[in-house]
Protein backbone atom coordinates (compact mmCIF):
# COMPACT_ATOMS: atom_id res chain seq x y z
CA MET A 1 43.89 -21.40 13.05
CA ALA A 2 44.25 -25.07 12.60
CA ALA A 3 47.03 -27.03 13.05
CA ALA A 4 49.30 -28.13 10.87
CA ARG A 5 51.64 -30.50 10.46
CA PRO A 6 54.50 -29.54 11.27
CA GLU A 7 57.51 -30.13 9.48
CA GLY A 8 61.83 -30.51 10.69
CA PHE A 9 62.83 -29.98 13.57
CA ALA A 10 61.52 -26.41 14.05
CA GLY A 11 57.78 -27.66 14.04
CA TRP A 12 58.24 -30.27 15.81
CA LEU A 13 60.20 -28.44 19.00
CA ALA A 14 57.26 -25.91 18.28
CA VAL A 15 54.98 -28.74 19.64
CA TRP A 16 56.51 -30.45 21.37
CA PHE A 17 56.76 -33.78 19.81
CA GLY A 18 53.19 -33.97 18.94
CA ALA A 19 51.10 -32.68 22.67
CA GLY A 20 49.88 -29.84 20.89
CA LEU A 21 48.33 -31.52 17.91
CA SER A 22 45.83 -32.60 20.90
CA PRO A 23 41.96 -31.83 19.30
CA ILE A 24 41.24 -31.55 23.14
CA ALA A 25 43.34 -28.35 25.03
CA PRO A 26 46.35 -28.43 23.72
CA GLY A 27 48.23 -26.00 26.09
CA THR A 28 46.80 -28.42 28.55
CA ALA A 29 48.72 -31.32 27.08
CA GLY A 30 51.68 -29.46 26.51
CA SER A 31 51.85 -28.74 29.55
CA LEU A 32 51.28 -32.67 31.88
CA ALA A 33 53.77 -33.74 28.24
CA ALA A 34 56.19 -31.41 29.94
CA LEU A 35 55.88 -32.95 33.70
CA PRO A 36 58.23 -36.17 33.01
CA PHE A 37 60.74 -34.14 31.38
CA GLY A 38 60.99 -31.64 33.75
CA ALA A 39 60.86 -34.80 36.38
CA ALA A 40 63.32 -36.41 34.50
CA ILE A 41 65.34 -33.54 34.69
CA LEU A 42 64.80 -32.95 38.13
CA TRP A 43 65.54 -36.71 39.41
CA ALA A 44 68.64 -36.74 37.33
CA GLY A 45 70.69 -33.70 38.99
CA GLY A 46 69.46 -34.87 42.65
CA ALA A 47 70.42 -32.27 45.21
CA SER A 48 70.99 -29.90 42.12
CA GLY A 49 67.85 -31.05 40.53
CA TRP A 50 66.58 -27.07 40.68
CA LEU A 51 70.14 -26.01 38.88
CA TRP A 52 69.48 -28.30 36.13
CA LEU A 53 66.22 -27.99 34.97
CA GLY A 54 66.60 -23.78 35.64
CA LEU A 55 69.34 -24.32 32.81
CA ALA A 56 67.93 -26.51 30.22
CA THR A 57 64.74 -24.09 31.24
CA LEU A 58 67.15 -22.00 30.12
CA LEU A 59 68.27 -22.77 26.71
CA LEU A 60 64.56 -24.09 25.88
CA LEU A 61 63.59 -20.30 25.64
CA PRO A 62 66.05 -19.40 22.09
CA LEU A 63 65.20 -23.00 21.42
CA GLY A 64 61.81 -22.07 21.33
CA ALA A 65 61.13 -18.29 20.68
CA TRP A 66 63.21 -20.22 16.78
CA ALA A 67 60.55 -23.28 17.06
CA ALA A 68 57.36 -20.98 17.86
CA ALA A 69 58.52 -18.17 15.45
CA ALA A 70 59.01 -20.95 12.71
CA TYR A 71 55.94 -22.72 13.20
CA ASP A 72 54.04 -19.84 12.83
CA ARG A 73 55.62 -18.53 9.78
CA GLN A 74 54.33 -22.10 8.35
CA THR A 75 50.39 -21.13 9.40
CA GLY A 76 50.57 -17.90 7.86
CA GLY A 77 49.37 -16.99 12.08
CA HIS A 78 50.40 -15.47 15.58
CA ASP A 79 51.12 -17.86 18.88
CA ASN A 80 48.86 -20.85 16.65
CA ALA A 81 47.17 -23.21 19.31
CA ALA A 82 49.03 -26.03 18.84
CA ILE A 83 52.50 -24.01 19.92
CA VAL A 84 52.71 -25.76 22.92
CA VAL A 85 57.14 -25.58 23.98
CA ASP A 86 56.28 -22.15 25.18
CA GLU A 87 54.26 -24.19 28.32
CA VAL A 88 56.79 -26.63 28.89
CA ALA A 89 59.27 -23.75 29.17
CA GLY A 90 56.42 -22.00 31.58
CA GLN A 91 56.00 -25.10 33.56
CA TRP A 92 59.30 -26.10 33.92
CA ILE A 93 60.01 -23.25 35.55
CA ALA A 94 56.65 -23.37 38.33
CA LEU A 95 58.39 -27.15 38.75
CA LEU A 96 62.01 -25.26 39.95
CA PRO A 97 60.52 -25.32 43.26
CA ALA A 98 60.11 -29.17 43.67
CA ALA A 99 61.73 -31.64 44.95
CA PRO A 100 62.80 -34.73 43.07
CA MET A 101 60.27 -37.40 42.61
CA THR A 102 61.65 -40.84 44.73
CA VAL A 103 60.09 -44.34 44.44
CA SER A 104 57.72 -43.51 47.33
CA GLY A 105 56.84 -40.60 44.62
CA ALA A 106 56.47 -38.37 48.46
CA ALA A 107 56.79 -35.19 46.32
CA TRP A 108 53.80 -35.55 43.89
CA TRP A 109 51.78 -32.53 45.33
CA HIS A 110 54.31 -30.56 44.34
CA TYR A 111 54.25 -31.52 40.96
CA ALA A 112 49.79 -31.10 40.56
CA LEU A 113 50.90 -27.55 42.31
CA ALA A 114 52.71 -26.40 40.06
CA PHE A 115 51.18 -28.03 37.09
CA GLY A 116 47.05 -26.66 38.30
CA LEU A 117 48.86 -22.90 39.39
CA PHE A 118 50.50 -22.52 35.34
CA ARG A 119 47.69 -23.33 34.12
CA LEU A 120 45.89 -21.18 35.75
CA PHE A 121 48.28 -18.62 35.42
CA ASP A 122 48.72 -19.21 31.91
CA ILE A 123 45.44 -19.16 31.20
CA ALA A 124 43.88 -16.49 33.69
CA LYS A 125 46.53 -14.31 32.66
CA PRO A 126 46.73 -11.61 35.32
CA TRP A 127 49.03 -8.85 34.64
CA PRO A 128 51.16 -8.22 33.53
CA VAL A 129 51.03 -11.91 31.98
CA GLY A 130 48.46 -11.08 29.87
CA TRP A 131 50.05 -7.26 28.83
CA VAL A 132 53.19 -9.76 27.72
CA ASP A 133 51.05 -11.63 26.07
CA ARG A 134 49.84 -8.24 24.14
CA LYS A 135 53.04 -6.44 23.88
CA ILE A 136 55.65 -9.06 22.32
CA GLY A 137 55.63 -10.39 19.42
CA GLY A 138 57.48 -12.89 17.97
CA GLY A 139 59.02 -16.65 18.91
CA TRP A 140 59.58 -14.67 21.73
CA GLY A 141 56.24 -13.27 22.14
CA VAL A 142 54.61 -17.26 21.77
CA MET A 143 57.65 -17.23 25.08
CA ALA A 144 57.12 -15.35 27.49
CA ASP A 145 53.85 -15.21 28.95
CA ASP A 146 54.50 -18.54 29.69
CA VAL A 147 57.15 -17.75 31.73
CA ALA A 148 55.50 -13.87 33.33
CA ALA A 149 52.69 -16.97 34.11
CA GLY A 150 55.54 -20.14 35.72
CA LEU A 151 56.75 -17.40 37.53
CA TYR A 152 53.83 -16.29 38.91
CA ALA A 153 53.16 -20.31 40.03
CA GLY A 154 56.31 -21.25 40.50
CA ALA A 155 57.03 -18.46 43.68
CA LEU A 156 53.34 -19.98 44.51
CA THR A 157 54.72 -23.31 44.25
CA TRP A 158 58.02 -22.37 46.99
CA LEU A 159 56.08 -21.30 49.53
CA ALA A 160 53.02 -23.64 49.38
CA ILE A 161 56.23 -26.56 49.88
CA ARG A 162 58.21 -23.74 52.55
CA LEU A 163 54.87 -23.73 54.11
CA GLU A 164 54.26 -27.62 54.98
CA PRO A 165 56.86 -28.86 54.18
CA ASN A 166 55.95 -32.22 55.70
CA LEU A 167 53.75 -33.01 52.81
């Protein structure tokens, strides 16, 4: 189903302020659009950045479920490809173990790894990501598989950071 012009705050949130309207790989565009916001939250929170990003994600989950359901009603489908607020939440979960980006960019690989792993798990949908995608409906169903993919990606990002602390 084609992307429809978003209506109201819910519509624009669902498409993450236009990222999901990308004609090419809207999910990847949504994940890319999530990175600067996640990096800014991590940076602003300093040593507690992960906590602030976690709180922002917890706030985004019900808002995203509401926005996804509203956009689905607007378009008459389920989980329209333009809905990328779920990618934002999943990407932020994957970023939780990342260090705040510094002026020197010392943590750039944390972000690249979290991004790559999240996209891998979101696209491949290993169990239980695929199961969640098929079994949970509505706005929460749109969000849930990306949360699961984000948990996988975040866990592997955390492990990689711990194994290679000097990178």
